[in-house]
């Protein structure tokens, strides 16, 4: 399992990031600073460090310290109003702006690890004519690549990883959009409809609607 170290300014932010990324399949350790993180590193260095600090200046000092310790990929979560002061030469591998999107953060982490070290969950899910390459975050139907949005991909990956199990609309909403999302669960229906239009054909169906409850993935694809 991919191991993340989350260094965040504030317990609420750290808790929210950790909870959402654990749901996405990562193992997370939370620490308020690099010193405490080092004290907790009994299992060795993490695969990636996710930094969520209020100031790019704080981020700059921290990244320098991390790079002195060793080459660990760094992803930053920054307040949107600080982006104009972000140093373009800062030694980070990627960043997202707050308010973050949990599905986007998870996907960006996987892409960083694939790009920097080839590390991945080592999983390719195959269901008939549908292939989901989790390592590369790519989807193929009958050999042709399918372009999905972040949320469409995360919906498909989540449903496929629970094949045969019914996931309620609320469960999908919480896992993909987050517990603090204020939109209705019809948002799930809209995204499922768009996802189906991209991966399904007249004789090819993967996602089944369970009336008044939610959706489940059909392993057979028929």
C-alpha atoms as a PDB file:
ATOM      1  CA  UNK A   1       0.000   0.000   0.000  1.00  0.00           C
ATOM      2  CA  UNK A   2       1.225   3.498  -0.819  1.00  0.00           C
ATOM      3  CA  UNK A   3       2.297   5.312   2.357  1.00  0.00           C
ATOM      4  CA  UNK A   4       1.739   9.058   2.708  1.00  0.00           C
ATOM      5  CA  UNK A   5       3.015  11.514   5.298  1.00  0.00           C
ATOM      6  CA  UNK A   6       0.684  14.486   5.768  1.00  0.00           C
ATOM      7  CA  UNK A   7       2.156  17.634   7.318  1.00  0.00           C
ATOM      8  CA  UNK A   8      -0.623  20.156   7.815  1.00  0.00           C
ATOM      9  CA  UNK A   9      -1.158  23.452   9.587  1.00  0.00           C
ATOM     10  CA  UNK A  10      -4.131  22.581  11.767  1.00  0.00           C
ATOM     11  CA  UNK A  11      -5.668  19.362  13.083  1.00  0.00           C
ATOM     12  CA  UNK A  12      -8.931  19.791  11.158  1.00  0.00           C
ATOM     13  CA  UNK A  13      -7.180  20.067   7.813  1.00  0.00           C
ATOM     14  CA  UNK A  14      -4.889  17.146   8.587  1.00  0.00           C
ATOM     15  CA  UNK A  15      -7.810  15.006   9.739  1.00  0.00           C
ATOM     16  CA  UNK A  16      -9.890  15.795   6.638  1.00  0.00           C
ATOM     17  CA  UNK A  17      -7.040  15.022   4.229  1.00  0.00           C
ATOM     18  CA  UNK A  18      -6.107  11.834   6.057  1.00  0.00           C
ATOM     19  CA  UNK A  19      -9.688  10.555   6.178  1.00  0.00           C
ATOM     20  CA  UNK A  20     -10.323  11.203   2.490  1.00  0.00           C
ATOM     21  CA  UNK A  21      -7.030   9.670   1.359  1.00  0.00           C
ATOM     22  CA  UNK A  22      -7.470   6.581   3.522  1.00  0.00           C
ATOM     23  CA  UNK A  23     -10.851   6.142   1.803  1.00  0.00           C
ATOM     24  CA  UNK A  24      -8.995   6.400  -1.511  1.00  0.00           C
ATOM     25  CA  UNK A  25      -6.747   3.474  -0.553  1.00  0.00           C
ATOM     26  CA  UNK A  26      -3.639   5.119   0.925  1.00  0.00           C
ATOM     27  CA  UNK A  27      -1.964   4.547   4.292  1.00  0.00           C
ATOM     28  CA  UNK A  28      -1.594   7.929   6.013  1.00  0.00           C
ATOM     29  CA  UNK A  29       0.546   9.229   8.864  1.00  0.00           C
ATOM     30  CA  UNK A  30      -0.124  12.749  10.149  1.00  0.00           C
ATOM     31  CA  UNK A  31       2.438  14.998  11.801  1.00  0.00           C
ATOM     32  CA  UNK A  32       2.489  18.742  12.606  1.00  0.00           C
ATOM     33  CA  UNK A  33       6.119  19.209  11.474  1.00  0.00           C
ATOM     34  CA  UNK A  34       9.111  17.408   9.998  1.00  0.00           C
ATOM     35  CA  UNK A  35      10.709  16.785  13.400  1.00  0.00           C
ATOM     36  CA  UNK A  36       7.756  14.815  14.725  1.00  0.00           C
ATOM     37  CA  UNK A  37       7.428  13.090  11.365  1.00  0.00           C
ATOM     38  CA  UNK A  38      11.029  11.892  11.677  1.00  0.00           C
ATOM     39  CA  UNK A  39      10.298  10.571  15.166  1.00  0.00           C
ATOM     40  CA  UNK A  40       7.438   8.481  13.740  1.00  0.00           C
ATOM     41  CA  UNK A  41       9.379   7.076  10.785  1.00  0.00           C
ATOM     42  CA  UNK A  42       9.970   3.619  12.239  1.00  0.00           C
ATOM     43  CA  UNK A  43       8.823   1.997   9.002  1.00  0.00           C
ATOM     44  CA  UNK A  44      11.179   4.087   6.909  1.00  0.00           C
ATOM     45  CA  UNK A  45      10.445   7.120   4.715  1.00  0.00           C
ATOM     46  CA  UNK A  46       6.996   7.570   3.177  1.00  0.00           C
ATOM     47  CA  UNK A  47       6.367   7.196  -0.537  1.00  0.00           C
ATOM     48  CA  UNK A  48       5.143  10.797  -0.761  1.00  0.00           C
ATOM     49  CA  UNK A  49       4.834  13.800   1.557  1.00  0.00           C
ATOM     50  CA  UNK A  50       1.682  15.898   1.304  1.00  0.00           C
ATOM     51  CA  UNK A  51       2.169  19.379   2.720  1.00  0.00           C
ATOM     52  CA  UNK A  52      -0.793  21.619   3.570  1.00  0.00           C
ATOM     53  CA  UNK A  53       0.541  24.843   5.084  1.00  0.00           C
ATOM     54  CA  UNK A  54      -1.017  28.319   5.010  1.00  0.00           C
ATOM     55  CA  UNK A  55       2.003  30.095   3.526  1.00  0.00           C
ATOM     56  CA  UNK A  56       4.242  29.367   0.497  1.00  0.00           C
ATOM     57  CA  UNK A  57       7.115  30.718   2.609  1.00  0.00           C
ATOM     58  CA  UNK A  58       6.546  27.979   5.182  1.00  0.00           C
ATOM     59  CA  UNK A  59       6.329  25.489   2.341  1.00  0.00           C
ATOM     60  CA  UNK A  60       9.671  26.674   0.949  1.00  0.00           C
ATOM     61  CA  UNK A  61      11.487  26.180   4.252  1.00  0.00           C
ATOM     62  CA  UNK A  62       9.939  22.758   4.726  1.00  0.00           C
ATOM     63  CA  UNK A  63      10.743  21.495   1.230  1.00  0.00           C
ATOM     64  CA  UNK A  64      14.386  22.471   1.675  1.00  0.00           C
ATOM     65  CA  UNK A  65      14.512  20.436   4.862  1.00  0.00           C
ATOM     66  CA  UNK A  66      12.805  17.449   3.259  1.00  0.00           C
ATOM     67  CA  UNK A  67      15.134  17.431   0.263  1.00  0.00           C
ATOM     68  CA  UNK A  68      18.129  17.480   2.619  1.00  0.00           C
ATOM     69  CA  UNK A  69      16.811  14.331   4.261  1.00  0.00           C
ATOM     70  CA  UNK A  70      16.350  12.448   0.992  1.00  0.00           C
ATOM     71  CA  UNK A  71      14.506  12.401  -2.324  1.00  0.00           C
ATOM     72  CA  UNK A  72      10.844  11.976  -1.401  1.00  0.00           C
ATOM     73  CA  UNK A  73       8.193  13.381  -3.768  1.00  0.00           C
ATOM     74  CA  UNK A  74       6.327  16.383  -2.367  1.00  0.00           C
ATOM     75  CA  UNK A  75       2.820  17.548  -3.179  1.00  0.00           C
ATOM     76  CA  UNK A  76       1.469  20.790  -1.749  1.00  0.00           C
ATOM     77  CA  UNK A  77      -2.048  21.927  -0.890  1.00  0.00           C
ATOM     78  CA  UNK A  78      -2.151  25.723  -0.880  1.00  0.00           C
ATOM     79  CA  UNK A  79      -4.783  28.388  -0.195  1.00  0.00           C
ATOM     80  CA  UNK A  80      -5.879  29.801  -3.543  1.00  0.00           C
ATOM     81  CA  UNK A  81      -5.157  33.387  -2.486  1.00  0.00           C
ATOM     82  CA  UNK A  82      -1.451  32.550  -1.949  1.00  0.00           C
ATOM     83  CA  UNK A  83      -0.775  31.163  -5.418  1.00  0.00           C
ATOM     84  CA  UNK A  84       0.422  34.507  -6.784  1.00  0.00           C
ATOM     85  CA  UNK A  85       3.289  34.457  -4.272  1.00  0.00           C
ATOM     86  CA  UNK A  86       4.315  30.860  -4.986  1.00  0.00           C
ATOM     87  CA  UNK A  87       7.945  30.606  -6.117  1.00  0.00           C
ATOM     88  CA  UNK A  88       7.969  28.850  -9.493  1.00  0.00           C
ATOM     89  CA  UNK A  89      11.413  27.379  -8.692  1.00  0.00           C
ATOM     90  CA  UNK A  90      10.150  25.691  -5.526  1.00  0.00           C
ATOM     91  CA  UNK A  91      11.205  22.045  -5.466  1.00  0.00           C
ATOM     92  CA  UNK A  92       7.780  20.395  -5.321  1.00  0.00           C
ATOM     93  CA  UNK A  93       6.365  17.781  -7.665  1.00  0.00           C
ATOM     94  CA  UNK A  94       2.797  19.105  -7.897  1.00  0.00           C
ATOM     95  CA  UNK A  95       0.207  21.183  -6.036  1.00  0.00           C
ATOM     96  CA  UNK A  96      -3.523  21.777  -5.758  1.00  0.00           C
ATOM     97  CA  UNK A  97      -5.395  24.821  -4.529  1.00  0.00           C
ATOM     98  CA  UNK A  98      -7.874  24.890  -1.673  1.00  0.00           C
ATOM     99  CA  UNK A  99     -10.648  24.013  -1.387  1.00  0.00           C
ATOM    100  CA  UNK A 100      -9.187  20.732  -2.593  1.00  0.00           C
ATOM    101  CA  UNK A 101     -11.000  17.987  -4.437  1.00  0.00           C
ATOM    102  CA  UNK A 102     -10.235  14.634  -2.766  1.00  0.00           C
ATOM    103  CA  UNK A 103     -10.502  12.661  -6.007  1.00  0.00           C
ATOM    104  CA  UNK A 104      -8.136  15.049  -7.769  1.00  0.00           C
ATOM    105  CA  UNK A 105      -5.616  14.929  -4.919  1.00  0.00           C
ATOM    106  CA  UNK A 106      -5.638  11.109  -4.978  1.00  0.00           C
ATOM    107  CA  UNK A 107      -5.206  10.960  -8.734  1.00  0.00           C
ATOM    108  CA  UNK A 108      -2.395  13.519  -8.729  1.00  0.00           C
ATOM    109  CA  UNK A 109      -0.584  11.545  -6.020  1.00  0.00           C
ATOM    110  CA  UNK A 110      -0.743   8.380  -8.119  1.00  0.00           C
ATOM    111  CA  UNK A 111       0.505  10.242 -11.174  1.00  0.00           C
ATOM    112  CA  UNK A 112       3.434  11.750  -9.228  1.00  0.00           C
ATOM    113  CA  UNK A 113       4.504   8.347  -7.930  1.00  0.00           C
ATOM    114  CA  UNK A 114       4.198   6.734 -11.337  1.00  0.00           C
ATOM    115  CA  UNK A 115       6.220   9.542 -12.929  1.00  0.00           C
ATOM    116  CA  UNK A 116       8.955   9.815 -10.286  1.00  0.00           C
ATOM    117  CA  UNK A 117       9.558   6.235  -9.224  1.00  0.00           C
ATOM    118  CA  UNK A 118       7.248   3.879 -11.073  1.00  0.00           C
ATOM    119  CA  UNK A 119       5.556   3.140  -7.741  1.00  0.00           C
ATOM    120  CA  UNK A 120       1.940   2.154  -8.030  1.00  0.00           C
ATOM    121  CA  UNK A 121      -0.647  -0.103  -6.534  1.00  0.00           C
ATOM    122  CA  UNK A 122       0.416  -2.593  -9.177  1.00  0.00           C
ATOM    123  CA  UNK A 123      -3.119  -3.281 -10.248  1.00  0.00           C
ATOM    124  CA  UNK A 124      -4.808  -3.613 -13.605  1.00  0.00           C
ATOM    125  CA  UNK A 125      -8.508  -4.402 -13.361  1.00  0.00           C
ATOM    126  CA  UNK A 126      -9.933  -6.279 -16.341  1.00  0.00           C
ATOM    127  CA  UNK A 127     -13.627  -6.911 -16.863  1.00  0.00           C
ATOM    128  CA  UNK A 128     -14.261  -8.276 -20.330  1.00  0.00           C
ATOM    129  CA  UNK A 129     -13.661  -5.439 -22.782  1.00  0.00           C
ATOM    130  CA  UNK A 130     -13.047  -2.923 -19.983  1.00  0.00           C
ATOM    131  CA  UNK A 131      -9.537  -2.378 -18.609  1.00  0.00           C
ATOM    132  CA  UNK A 132      -8.731  -0.002 -15.728  1.00  0.00           C
ATOM    133  CA  UNK A 133      -4.999   0.573 -15.330  1.00  0.00           C
ATOM    134  CA  UNK A 134      -4.828   1.874 -11.756  1.00  0.00           C
ATOM    135  CA  UNK A 135      -1.082   2.489 -11.963  1.00  0.00           C
ATOM    136  CA  UNK A 136      -1.423   4.840 -14.928  1.00  0.00           C
ATOM    137  CA  UNK A 137      -4.973   6.044 -14.173  1.00  0.00           C
ATOM    138  CA  UNK A 138      -6.041   5.012 -17.668  1.00  0.00           C
ATOM    139  CA  UNK A 139      -9.191   3.304 -18.941  1.00  0.00           C
ATOM    140  CA  UNK A 140      -9.667   1.280 -22.128  1.00  0.00           C
ATOM    141  CA  UNK A 141     -12.774  -0.191 -23.754  1.00  0.00           C
ATOM    142  CA  UNK A 142     -12.190  -2.736 -26.522  1.00  0.00           C
ATOM    143  CA  UNK A 143      -8.605  -1.547 -26.669  1.00  0.00           C
ATOM    144  CA  UNK A 144      -9.398   2.114 -27.228  1.00  0.00           C
ATOM    145  CA  UNK A 145      -8.484   4.717 -24.575  1.00  0.00           C
ATOM    146  CA  UNK A 146     -11.372   6.478 -22.846  1.00  0.00           C
ATOM    147  CA  UNK A 147     -10.928  10.033 -21.579  1.00  0.00           C
ATOM    148  CA  UNK A 148     -12.614  10.511 -18.192  1.00  0.00           C
ATOM    149  CA  UNK A 149     -12.784  13.428 -15.788  1.00  0.00           C
ATOM    150  CA  UNK A 150     -11.328  13.042 -12.278  1.00  0.00           C
ATOM    151  CA  UNK A 151     -14.690  12.227 -10.749  1.00  0.00           C
ATOM    152  CA  UNK A 152     -15.766   9.898 -13.558  1.00  0.00           C
ATOM    153  CA  UNK A 153     -12.542   7.932 -13.148  1.00  0.00           C
ATOM    154  CA  UNK A 154     -12.849   7.777  -9.356  1.00  0.00           C
ATOM    155  CA  UNK A 155     -16.483   6.652  -9.621  1.00  0.00           C
ATOM    156  CA  UNK A 156     -15.533   3.870 -12.019  1.00  0.00           C
ATOM    157  CA  UNK A 157     -12.538   2.770  -9.946  1.00  0.00           C
ATOM    158  CA  UNK A 158     -14.568   2.776  -6.737  1.00  0.00           C
ATOM    159  CA  UNK A 159     -17.466   0.806  -8.224  1.00  0.00           C
ATOM    160  CA  UNK A 160     -15.146  -1.678  -9.946  1.00  0.00           C
ATOM    161  CA  UNK A 161     -13.155  -2.289  -6.772  1.00  0.00           C
ATOM    162  CA  UNK A 162     -16.445  -3.239  -5.061  1.00  0.00           C
ATOM    163  CA  UNK A 163     -17.809  -5.317  -7.948  1.00  0.00           C
ATOM    164  CA  UNK A 164     -21.153  -6.915  -7.228  1.00  0.00           C
ATOM    165  CA  UNK A 165     -21.698  -4.742  -4.160  1.00  0.00           C
ATOM    166  CA  UNK A 166     -24.377  -2.049  -4.125  1.00  0.00           C
ATOM    167  CA  UNK A 167     -23.036   1.396  -3.222  1.00  0.00           C
ATOM    168  CA  UNK A 168     -25.625   3.964  -2.236  1.00  0.00           C
ATOM    169  CA  UNK A 169     -25.729   7.378  -3.823  1.00  0.00           C
ATOM    170  CA  UNK A 170     -24.835   8.937  -0.474  1.00  0.00           C
ATOM    171  CA  UNK A 171     -21.853   6.618  -0.026  1.00  0.00           C
ATOM    172  CA  UNK A 172     -20.578   7.510  -3.497  1.00  0.00           C
ATOM    173  CA  UNK A 173     -21.150  11.191  -2.824  1.00  0.00           C
ATOM    174  CA  UNK A 174     -19.223  11.041   0.456  1.00  0.00           C
ATOM    175  CA  UNK A 175     -16.316   9.072  -0.992  1.00  0.00           C
ATOM    176  CA  UNK A 176     -15.877  11.065  -4.203  1.00  0.00           C
ATOM    177  CA  UNK A 177     -17.098  14.572  -3.351  1.00  0.00           C
ATOM    178  CA  UNK A 178     -16.397  14.581   0.391  1.00  0.00           C
ATOM    179  CA  UNK A 179     -18.544  14.732   3.487  1.00  0.00           C
ATOM    180  CA  UNK A 180     -18.821  18.522   3.370  1.00  0.00           C
ATOM    181  CA  UNK A 181     -20.245  18.637  -0.172  1.00  0.00           C
ATOM    182  CA  UNK A 182     -23.535  20.527  -0.165  1.00  0.00           C
ATOM    183  CA  UNK A 183     -24.902  19.400  -3.522  1.00  0.00           C
ATOM    184  CA  UNK A 184     -27.637  16.793  -3.723  1.00  0.00           C
ATOM    185  CA  UNK A 185     -27.047  13.129  -4.451  1.00  0.00           C
ATOM    186  CA  UNK A 186     -28.494  13.625  -7.931  1.00  0.00           C
ATOM    187  CA  UNK A 187     -24.979  14.818  -8.756  1.00  0.00           C
ATOM    188  CA  UNK A 188     -23.994  11.144  -8.650  1.00  0.00           C
ATOM    189  CA  UNK A 189     -26.700  10.260 -11.195  1.00  0.00           C
ATOM    190  CA  UNK A 190     -25.438  12.929 -13.604  1.00  0.00           C
ATOM    191  CA  UNK A 191     -21.844  11.706 -13.413  1.00  0.00           C
ATOM    192  CA  UNK A 192     -22.857   8.053 -13.704  1.00  0.00           C
ATOM    193  CA  UNK A 193     -24.856   8.903 -16.835  1.00  0.00           C
ATOM    194  CA  UNK A 194     -21.829  10.640 -18.362  1.00  0.00           C
ATOM    195  CA  UNK A 195     -19.566   7.754 -17.365  1.00  0.00           C
ATOM    196  CA  UNK A 196     -21.895   5.215 -18.955  1.00  0.00           C
ATOM    197  CA  UNK A 197     -22.007   7.192 -22.189  1.00  0.00           C
ATOM    198  CA  UNK A 198     -18.222   6.841 -22.425  1.00  0.00           C
ATOM    199  CA  UNK A 199     -17.690   3.187 -21.467  1.00  0.00           C
ATOM    200  CA  UNK A 200     -20.920   1.424 -22.407  1.00  0.00           C
ATOM    201  CA  UNK A 201     -22.485   0.452 -25.718  1.00  0.00           C
ATOM    202  CA  UNK A 202     -25.730  -1.232 -26.733  1.00  0.00           C
ATOM    203  CA  UNK A 203     -24.328  -4.698 -26.066  1.00  0.00           C
ATOM    204  CA  UNK A 204     -21.846  -3.657 -23.372  1.00  0.00           C
ATOM    205  CA  UNK A 205     -22.987  -2.662 -19.881  1.00  0.00           C
ATOM    206  CA  UNK A 206     -20.911  -2.455 -16.698  1.00  0.00           C
ATOM    207  CA  UNK A 207     -22.884  -0.339 -14.239  1.00  0.00           C
ATOM    208  CA  UNK A 208     -26.266  -1.413 -12.935  1.00  0.00           C
ATOM    209  CA  UNK A 209     -28.786   0.931 -11.339  1.00  0.00           C
ATOM    210  CA  UNK A 210     -30.326  -0.410  -8.133  1.00  0.00           C
ATOM    211  CA  UNK A 211     -33.650   1.372  -7.940  1.00  0.00           C
ATOM    212  CA  UNK A 212     -34.016   3.907  -5.106  1.00  0.00           C
ATOM    213  CA  UNK A 213     -30.650   2.861  -3.642  1.00  0.00           C
ATOM    214  CA  UNK A 214     -27.602   3.396  -5.841  1.00  0.00           C
ATOM    215  CA  UNK A 215     -25.341   1.520  -8.241  1.00  0.00           C
ATOM    216  CA  UNK A 216     -23.244  -1.609  -8.531  1.00  0.00           C
ATOM    217  CA  UNK A 217     -20.568  -2.789 -10.927  1.00  0.00           C
ATOM    218  CA  UNK A 218     -21.272  -5.908 -13.002  1.00  0.00           C
ATOM    219  CA  UNK A 219     -18.074  -7.899 -13.400  1.00  0.00           C
ATOM    220  CA  UNK A 220     -19.287  -9.655 -16.528  1.00  0.00           C
ATOM    221  CA  UNK A 221     -19.799  -6.491 -18.539  1.00  0.00           C
ATOM    222  CA  UNK A 222     -22.762  -7.928 -20.361  1.00  0.00           C
END
